[in-house]
N, C-alpha and C. Protein backbone atom coordinates (compact mmCIF):
# COMPACT_ATOMS: atom_id res chain seq x y z
N MET A 1 0.82 -1.19 0.00
CA MET A 1 0.00 0.00 0.00
C MET A 1 0.86 1.26 0.00
N ASN A 2 1.97 1.26 0.75
CA ASN A 2 2.85 2.42 0.78
C ASN A 2 3.45 2.71 -0.59
N ASN A 3 3.74 1.64 -1.35
CA ASN A 3 4.28 1.83 -2.69
C ASN A 3 3.27 2.51 -3.61
N ASN A 4 1.99 2.17 -3.47
CA ASN A 4 0.96 2.81 -4.28
C ASN A 4 0.85 4.30 -3.97
N ILE A 5 0.92 4.65 -2.70
CA ILE A 5 0.85 6.06 -2.30
C ILE A 5 2.05 6.81 -2.85
N LEU A 6 3.23 6.20 -2.74
CA LEU A 6 4.45 6.82 -3.26
C LEU A 6 4.37 6.96 -4.78
N ASP A 7 3.90 5.93 -5.47
CA ASP A 7 3.76 5.99 -6.93
C ASP A 7 2.79 7.10 -7.33
N ASN A 8 1.68 7.23 -6.61
CA ASN A 8 0.70 8.27 -6.92
C ASN A 8 1.30 9.66 -6.71
N ARG A 9 2.07 9.84 -5.66
CA ARG A 9 2.69 11.15 -5.41
C ARG A 9 3.69 11.49 -6.51
N VAL A 10 4.47 10.51 -6.94
CA VAL A 10 5.44 10.73 -8.00
C VAL A 10 4.71 11.11 -9.29
N LEU A 11 3.63 10.40 -9.60
CA LEU A 11 2.86 10.71 -10.80
C LEU A 11 2.24 12.10 -10.73
N ILE A 12 1.72 12.46 -9.57
CA ILE A 12 1.12 13.79 -9.40
C ILE A 12 2.18 14.87 -9.57
N ASN A 13 3.33 14.71 -8.95
CA ASN A 13 4.42 15.68 -9.07
C ASN A 13 4.91 15.77 -10.51
N LEU A 14 5.03 14.65 -11.18
CA LEU A 14 5.46 14.64 -12.57
C LEU A 14 4.43 15.37 -13.45
N PHE A 15 3.16 15.11 -13.20
CA PHE A 15 2.10 15.79 -13.94
C PHE A 15 2.17 17.30 -13.73
N LEU A 16 2.36 17.73 -12.49
CA LEU A 16 2.44 19.16 -12.18
C LEU A 16 3.64 19.81 -12.88
N ILE A 17 4.77 19.16 -12.84
CA ILE A 17 5.97 19.70 -13.48
C ILE A 17 5.78 19.80 -14.99
N LEU A 18 5.23 18.76 -15.59
CA LEU A 18 4.99 18.79 -17.03
C LEU A 18 3.96 19.85 -17.40
N SER A 19 2.94 20.02 -16.57
CA SER A 19 1.93 21.05 -16.83
C SER A 19 2.54 22.44 -16.79
N ILE A 20 3.38 22.68 -15.81
CA ILE A 20 4.04 23.99 -15.69
C ILE A 20 4.94 24.23 -16.89
N LEU A 21 5.70 23.22 -17.29
CA LEU A 21 6.57 23.36 -18.45
C LEU A 21 5.77 23.62 -19.72
N PHE A 22 4.65 22.94 -19.87
CA PHE A 22 3.79 23.16 -21.03
C PHE A 22 3.25 24.58 -21.06
N LEU A 23 2.73 25.03 -19.92
CA LEU A 23 2.19 26.38 -19.86
C LEU A 23 3.28 27.43 -20.10
N TYR A 24 4.46 27.21 -19.57
CA TYR A 24 5.56 28.13 -19.78
C TYR A 24 5.94 28.20 -21.25
N SER A 25 5.93 27.05 -21.92
CA SER A 25 6.30 27.04 -23.34
C SER A 25 5.26 27.74 -24.19
N CYS A 26 4.01 27.81 -23.71
CA CYS A 26 2.94 28.49 -24.45
C CYS A 26 2.91 29.99 -24.16
N ALA A 27 3.64 30.41 -23.16
CA ALA A 27 3.61 31.83 -22.78
C ALA A 27 4.13 32.69 -23.91
N SER A 28 3.46 33.80 -24.10
CA SER A 28 3.83 34.71 -25.18
C SER A 28 5.02 35.57 -24.77
N THR A 29 5.95 35.74 -25.68
CA THR A 29 7.09 36.61 -25.42
C THR A 29 7.12 37.79 -26.37
N HIS A 30 6.09 37.94 -27.20
CA HIS A 30 6.11 39.00 -28.20
C HIS A 30 5.90 40.39 -27.60
N HIS A 31 5.67 40.47 -26.30
CA HIS A 31 5.50 41.77 -25.66
C HIS A 31 6.82 42.36 -25.18
N SER A 32 7.92 41.63 -25.37
CA SER A 32 9.20 42.11 -24.88
C SER A 32 9.63 43.41 -25.56
N ASN A 33 9.14 43.68 -26.77
CA ASN A 33 9.53 44.92 -27.43
C ASN A 33 8.91 46.14 -26.75
N TYR A 34 7.95 45.95 -25.86
CA TYR A 34 7.38 47.06 -25.10
C TYR A 34 8.33 47.53 -24.00
N GLN A 35 9.29 46.67 -23.62
CA GLN A 35 10.23 47.05 -22.56
C GLN A 35 11.02 48.29 -22.96
N LYS A 36 11.41 48.38 -24.22
CA LYS A 36 12.23 49.50 -24.69
C LYS A 36 11.38 50.66 -25.17
N GLY A 37 10.11 50.42 -25.37
CA GLY A 37 9.22 51.46 -25.88
C GLY A 37 8.83 51.18 -27.30
N LYS A 38 7.56 51.15 -27.53
CA LYS A 38 7.04 50.85 -28.86
C LYS A 38 5.98 51.89 -29.20
N TYR A 39 5.98 52.34 -30.43
CA TYR A 39 4.96 53.28 -30.86
C TYR A 39 3.72 52.52 -31.31
N VAL A 40 2.58 52.96 -30.81
CA VAL A 40 1.29 52.34 -31.15
C VAL A 40 0.27 53.44 -31.38
N VAL A 41 -0.87 53.07 -31.91
CA VAL A 41 -1.96 54.01 -32.11
C VAL A 41 -2.95 53.85 -30.96
N ALA A 42 -3.17 54.96 -30.26
CA ALA A 42 -4.06 54.94 -29.10
C ALA A 42 -5.28 55.81 -29.36
N SER A 43 -6.38 55.38 -28.79
CA SER A 43 -7.62 56.16 -28.77
C SER A 43 -8.07 56.20 -27.32
N TRP A 44 -9.25 56.73 -27.08
CA TRP A 44 -9.73 56.76 -25.70
C TRP A 44 -11.23 56.48 -25.68
N TYR A 45 -11.69 56.06 -24.49
CA TYR A 45 -13.11 55.82 -24.30
C TYR A 45 -13.53 56.33 -22.93
N GLY A 46 -14.80 56.68 -22.80
CA GLY A 46 -15.21 57.33 -21.57
C GLY A 46 -16.66 57.12 -21.21
N LYS A 47 -17.45 58.19 -21.32
CA LYS A 47 -18.80 58.27 -20.77
C LYS A 47 -19.70 57.09 -21.14
N LYS A 48 -19.68 56.69 -22.39
CA LYS A 48 -20.55 55.61 -22.87
C LYS A 48 -20.33 54.30 -22.10
N PHE A 49 -19.09 54.07 -21.63
CA PHE A 49 -18.75 52.82 -20.94
C PHE A 49 -18.59 52.99 -19.43
N ASN A 50 -18.67 54.21 -18.94
CA ASN A 50 -18.44 54.49 -17.52
C ASN A 50 -19.39 53.66 -16.66
N GLY A 51 -18.83 52.94 -15.69
CA GLY A 51 -19.61 52.13 -14.77
C GLY A 51 -19.91 50.73 -15.27
N LYS A 52 -19.62 50.46 -16.52
CA LYS A 52 -19.87 49.12 -17.07
C LYS A 52 -18.71 48.20 -16.72
N GLN A 53 -18.99 46.91 -16.75
CA GLN A 53 -17.97 45.93 -16.40
C GLN A 53 -16.94 45.80 -17.53
N THR A 54 -15.67 45.79 -17.14
CA THR A 54 -14.59 45.58 -18.10
C THR A 54 -14.35 44.08 -18.27
N ALA A 55 -13.52 43.72 -19.20
CA ALA A 55 -13.20 42.31 -19.44
C ALA A 55 -12.53 41.66 -18.23
N SER A 56 -11.86 42.45 -17.41
CA SER A 56 -11.21 41.90 -16.21
C SER A 56 -12.19 41.70 -15.07
N GLY A 57 -13.41 42.21 -15.22
CA GLY A 57 -14.41 42.10 -14.16
C GLY A 57 -14.56 43.37 -13.34
N GLU A 58 -13.62 44.30 -13.48
CA GLU A 58 -13.71 45.58 -12.77
C GLU A 58 -14.78 46.46 -13.43
N ARG A 59 -15.24 47.44 -12.69
CA ARG A 59 -16.13 48.45 -13.27
C ARG A 59 -15.25 49.53 -13.89
N PHE A 60 -15.60 49.93 -15.11
CA PHE A 60 -14.84 50.97 -15.79
C PHE A 60 -15.09 52.32 -15.14
N ASP A 61 -14.01 53.00 -14.80
CA ASP A 61 -14.05 54.36 -14.26
C ASP A 61 -13.33 55.24 -15.26
N MET A 62 -14.07 56.07 -15.95
CA MET A 62 -13.47 56.87 -17.02
C MET A 62 -12.42 57.84 -16.52
N TYR A 63 -12.38 58.11 -15.22
CA TYR A 63 -11.39 59.03 -14.66
C TYR A 63 -10.16 58.31 -14.10
N ALA A 64 -10.21 56.99 -14.03
CA ALA A 64 -9.08 56.20 -13.52
C ALA A 64 -8.00 56.09 -14.59
N MET A 65 -6.81 55.76 -14.18
CA MET A 65 -5.68 55.62 -15.10
C MET A 65 -5.60 54.16 -15.55
N THR A 66 -6.48 53.82 -16.51
CA THR A 66 -6.56 52.45 -17.00
C THR A 66 -6.58 52.45 -18.53
N CYS A 67 -6.50 51.25 -19.10
CA CYS A 67 -6.54 51.13 -20.56
C CYS A 67 -7.03 49.75 -20.96
N ALA A 68 -7.36 49.65 -22.22
CA ALA A 68 -7.71 48.38 -22.84
C ALA A 68 -6.63 48.03 -23.85
N HIS A 69 -6.23 46.77 -23.85
CA HIS A 69 -5.24 46.27 -24.80
C HIS A 69 -5.71 44.91 -25.27
N LYS A 70 -5.38 44.55 -26.49
CA LYS A 70 -5.87 43.30 -27.07
C LYS A 70 -5.28 42.05 -26.44
N THR A 71 -4.01 42.11 -26.04
CA THR A 71 -3.36 40.87 -25.59
C THR A 71 -2.59 40.96 -24.27
N LEU A 72 -2.19 42.13 -23.84
CA LEU A 72 -1.41 42.22 -22.60
C LEU A 72 -2.24 41.72 -21.42
N PRO A 73 -1.63 41.03 -20.48
CA PRO A 73 -2.37 40.51 -19.32
C PRO A 73 -2.99 41.63 -18.48
N PHE A 74 -4.15 41.34 -17.91
CA PHE A 74 -4.77 42.29 -16.99
C PHE A 74 -3.80 42.56 -15.85
N GLY A 75 -3.75 43.81 -15.42
CA GLY A 75 -2.84 44.18 -14.34
C GLY A 75 -1.50 44.69 -14.83
N THR A 76 -1.22 44.55 -16.12
CA THR A 76 0.04 45.05 -16.68
C THR A 76 0.06 46.57 -16.57
N LYS A 77 1.17 47.09 -16.08
CA LYS A 77 1.34 48.54 -15.98
C LYS A 77 2.11 49.04 -17.19
N LEU A 78 1.62 50.13 -17.77
CA LEU A 78 2.27 50.72 -18.93
C LEU A 78 2.50 52.21 -18.71
N ARG A 79 3.63 52.69 -19.16
CA ARG A 79 3.83 54.13 -19.26
C ARG A 79 3.46 54.49 -20.69
N VAL A 80 2.54 55.43 -20.84
CA VAL A 80 2.11 55.88 -22.16
C VAL A 80 2.59 57.32 -22.32
N ILE A 81 3.34 57.56 -23.39
CA ILE A 81 3.96 58.87 -23.62
C ILE A 81 3.43 59.46 -24.92
N ASN A 82 3.00 60.71 -24.86
CA ASN A 82 2.61 61.44 -26.05
C ASN A 82 3.88 62.09 -26.59
N PRO A 83 4.40 61.64 -27.72
CA PRO A 83 5.67 62.19 -28.22
C PRO A 83 5.56 63.64 -28.69
N ASP A 84 4.35 64.12 -28.93
CA ASP A 84 4.18 65.51 -29.37
C ASP A 84 4.42 66.52 -28.27
N ASN A 85 4.14 66.12 -27.00
CA ASN A 85 4.32 67.06 -25.89
C ASN A 85 5.13 66.47 -24.74
N ASN A 86 5.54 65.21 -24.88
CA ASN A 86 6.33 64.48 -23.88
C ASN A 86 5.59 64.26 -22.56
N LYS A 87 4.28 64.43 -22.55
CA LYS A 87 3.49 64.13 -21.35
C LYS A 87 3.32 62.62 -21.26
N SER A 88 3.33 62.10 -20.02
CA SER A 88 3.19 60.66 -19.85
C SER A 88 2.23 60.35 -18.70
N VAL A 89 1.73 59.13 -18.73
CA VAL A 89 0.82 58.64 -17.70
C VAL A 89 1.09 57.15 -17.52
N ILE A 90 0.92 56.67 -16.31
CA ILE A 90 1.03 55.24 -16.05
C ILE A 90 -0.39 54.70 -15.92
N VAL A 91 -0.68 53.67 -16.71
CA VAL A 91 -2.00 53.07 -16.72
C VAL A 91 -1.89 51.57 -16.45
N ILE A 92 -3.02 50.98 -16.07
CA ILE A 92 -3.10 49.54 -15.82
C ILE A 92 -4.09 48.94 -16.82
N VAL A 93 -3.69 47.85 -17.45
CA VAL A 93 -4.57 47.15 -18.39
C VAL A 93 -5.67 46.44 -17.59
N ASN A 94 -6.92 46.82 -17.84
CA ASN A 94 -8.03 46.15 -17.16
C ASN A 94 -9.17 45.79 -18.12
N ASP A 95 -8.92 45.95 -19.42
CA ASP A 95 -9.98 45.69 -20.38
C ASP A 95 -9.37 45.22 -21.70
N ARG A 96 -10.20 44.69 -22.58
CA ARG A 96 -9.78 44.26 -23.91
C ARG A 96 -10.25 45.28 -24.93
N GLY A 97 -9.50 45.42 -25.98
CA GLY A 97 -9.81 46.37 -27.04
C GLY A 97 -8.53 47.06 -27.43
N PRO A 98 -8.60 48.03 -28.27
CA PRO A 98 -9.77 48.53 -28.98
C PRO A 98 -10.18 47.58 -30.09
N PHE A 99 -11.43 47.68 -30.48
CA PHE A 99 -11.97 46.80 -31.51
C PHE A 99 -12.19 47.55 -32.82
N VAL A 100 -11.33 48.53 -33.05
CA VAL A 100 -11.34 49.29 -34.29
C VAL A 100 -10.02 49.01 -35.00
N ARG A 101 -10.10 48.63 -36.24
CA ARG A 101 -8.89 48.29 -37.01
C ARG A 101 -7.90 49.46 -37.01
N GLY A 102 -6.63 49.13 -36.81
CA GLY A 102 -5.58 50.13 -36.84
C GLY A 102 -5.29 50.78 -35.50
N ARG A 103 -6.05 50.42 -34.48
CA ARG A 103 -5.80 50.97 -33.14
C ARG A 103 -5.29 49.85 -32.23
N ASP A 104 -4.36 50.23 -31.35
CA ASP A 104 -3.71 49.24 -30.50
C ASP A 104 -4.04 49.37 -29.02
N LEU A 105 -4.44 50.54 -28.59
CA LEU A 105 -4.62 50.83 -27.17
C LEU A 105 -5.80 51.78 -27.01
N ASP A 106 -6.65 51.50 -26.03
CA ASP A 106 -7.74 52.40 -25.67
C ASP A 106 -7.47 52.92 -24.26
N LEU A 107 -7.25 54.20 -24.14
CA LEU A 107 -7.02 54.82 -22.84
C LEU A 107 -8.34 55.26 -22.22
N SER A 108 -8.40 55.26 -20.91
CA SER A 108 -9.55 55.86 -20.25
C SER A 108 -9.53 57.36 -20.52
N TYR A 109 -10.68 58.00 -20.38
CA TYR A 109 -10.79 59.44 -20.57
C TYR A 109 -9.75 60.18 -19.72
N GLY A 110 -9.63 59.78 -18.45
CA GLY A 110 -8.70 60.44 -17.54
C GLY A 110 -7.25 60.34 -17.99
N ALA A 111 -6.87 59.16 -18.48
CA ALA A 111 -5.49 58.97 -18.96
C ALA A 111 -5.24 59.76 -20.24
N ALA A 112 -6.22 59.75 -21.14
CA ALA A 112 -6.08 60.50 -22.39
C ALA A 112 -5.99 62.00 -22.11
N LYS A 113 -6.76 62.46 -21.15
CA LYS A 113 -6.73 63.88 -20.78
C LYS A 113 -5.35 64.26 -20.24
N LYS A 114 -4.79 63.38 -19.40
CA LYS A 114 -3.50 63.67 -18.77
C LYS A 114 -2.38 63.84 -19.79
N ILE A 115 -2.45 63.12 -20.92
CA ILE A 115 -1.39 63.26 -21.94
C ILE A 115 -1.86 64.10 -23.13
N ALA A 116 -3.02 64.71 -22.98
CA ALA A 116 -3.55 65.67 -23.96
C ALA A 116 -3.80 65.09 -25.35
N ILE A 117 -4.57 63.99 -25.39
CA ILE A 117 -4.96 63.47 -26.70
C ILE A 117 -6.48 63.45 -26.87
N LEU A 118 -7.21 64.09 -25.97
CA LEU A 118 -8.68 64.10 -26.08
C LEU A 118 -9.14 64.74 -27.38
N LYS A 119 -8.60 65.87 -27.71
CA LYS A 119 -9.04 66.62 -28.88
C LYS A 119 -8.81 65.83 -30.17
N GLN A 120 -7.63 65.20 -30.29
CA GLN A 120 -7.30 64.43 -31.49
C GLN A 120 -8.14 63.16 -31.58
N GLY A 121 -8.44 62.56 -30.43
CA GLY A 121 -9.21 61.32 -30.40
C GLY A 121 -8.38 60.08 -30.64
N VAL A 122 -7.53 60.13 -31.63
CA VAL A 122 -6.63 59.03 -31.96
C VAL A 122 -5.25 59.63 -32.15
N GLU A 123 -4.25 59.01 -31.54
CA GLU A 123 -2.90 59.59 -31.58
C GLU A 123 -1.86 58.48 -31.50
N ARG A 124 -0.73 58.72 -32.12
CA ARG A 124 0.42 57.82 -32.02
C ARG A 124 1.09 58.11 -30.68
N VAL A 125 1.29 57.07 -29.88
CA VAL A 125 1.92 57.21 -28.58
C VAL A 125 3.01 56.15 -28.44
N LYS A 126 3.84 56.35 -27.46
CA LYS A 126 4.89 55.38 -27.15
C LYS A 126 4.47 54.69 -25.85
N ILE A 127 4.59 53.36 -25.82
CA ILE A 127 4.28 52.64 -24.58
C ILE A 127 5.48 51.84 -24.12
N GLU A 128 5.62 51.78 -22.80
CA GLU A 128 6.70 51.02 -22.17
C GLU A 128 6.10 50.20 -21.04
N LEU A 129 6.53 48.96 -20.92
CA LEU A 129 6.10 48.13 -19.80
C LEU A 129 6.76 48.62 -18.52
N ILE A 130 5.99 48.67 -17.45
CA ILE A 130 6.52 49.01 -16.13
C ILE A 130 6.61 47.69 -15.35
N PRO A 131 7.80 47.28 -14.97
CA PRO A 131 7.93 45.99 -14.25
C PRO A 131 7.31 46.04 -12.87
């Protein structure tokens, strides 16, 4: 009986190790170019979505420093820089989007206001991952 328990523990540990290795091998590394700063097209969203649930489950607050990104994990912190005026803001990814072709990032109204892209609506910005 002791051998069966030991065999089961070995199998469970082996399964866990293989599962972790599999998941690690599936992890995306294509976001590493954000470490140095990447230029993307950003837009913003606000009143229409204010108070509604985001993809992460949080309620959207148009005045909070948040953003939507298509693939970055929820909770990822980004520095977003407007190269036209060098204003920057740190935002947290809490939603998915934008769902408009040619756009890469949707900033909350508050974040867009802080870097002065409200008037333009859509602007080329630089983003950097914050570790």
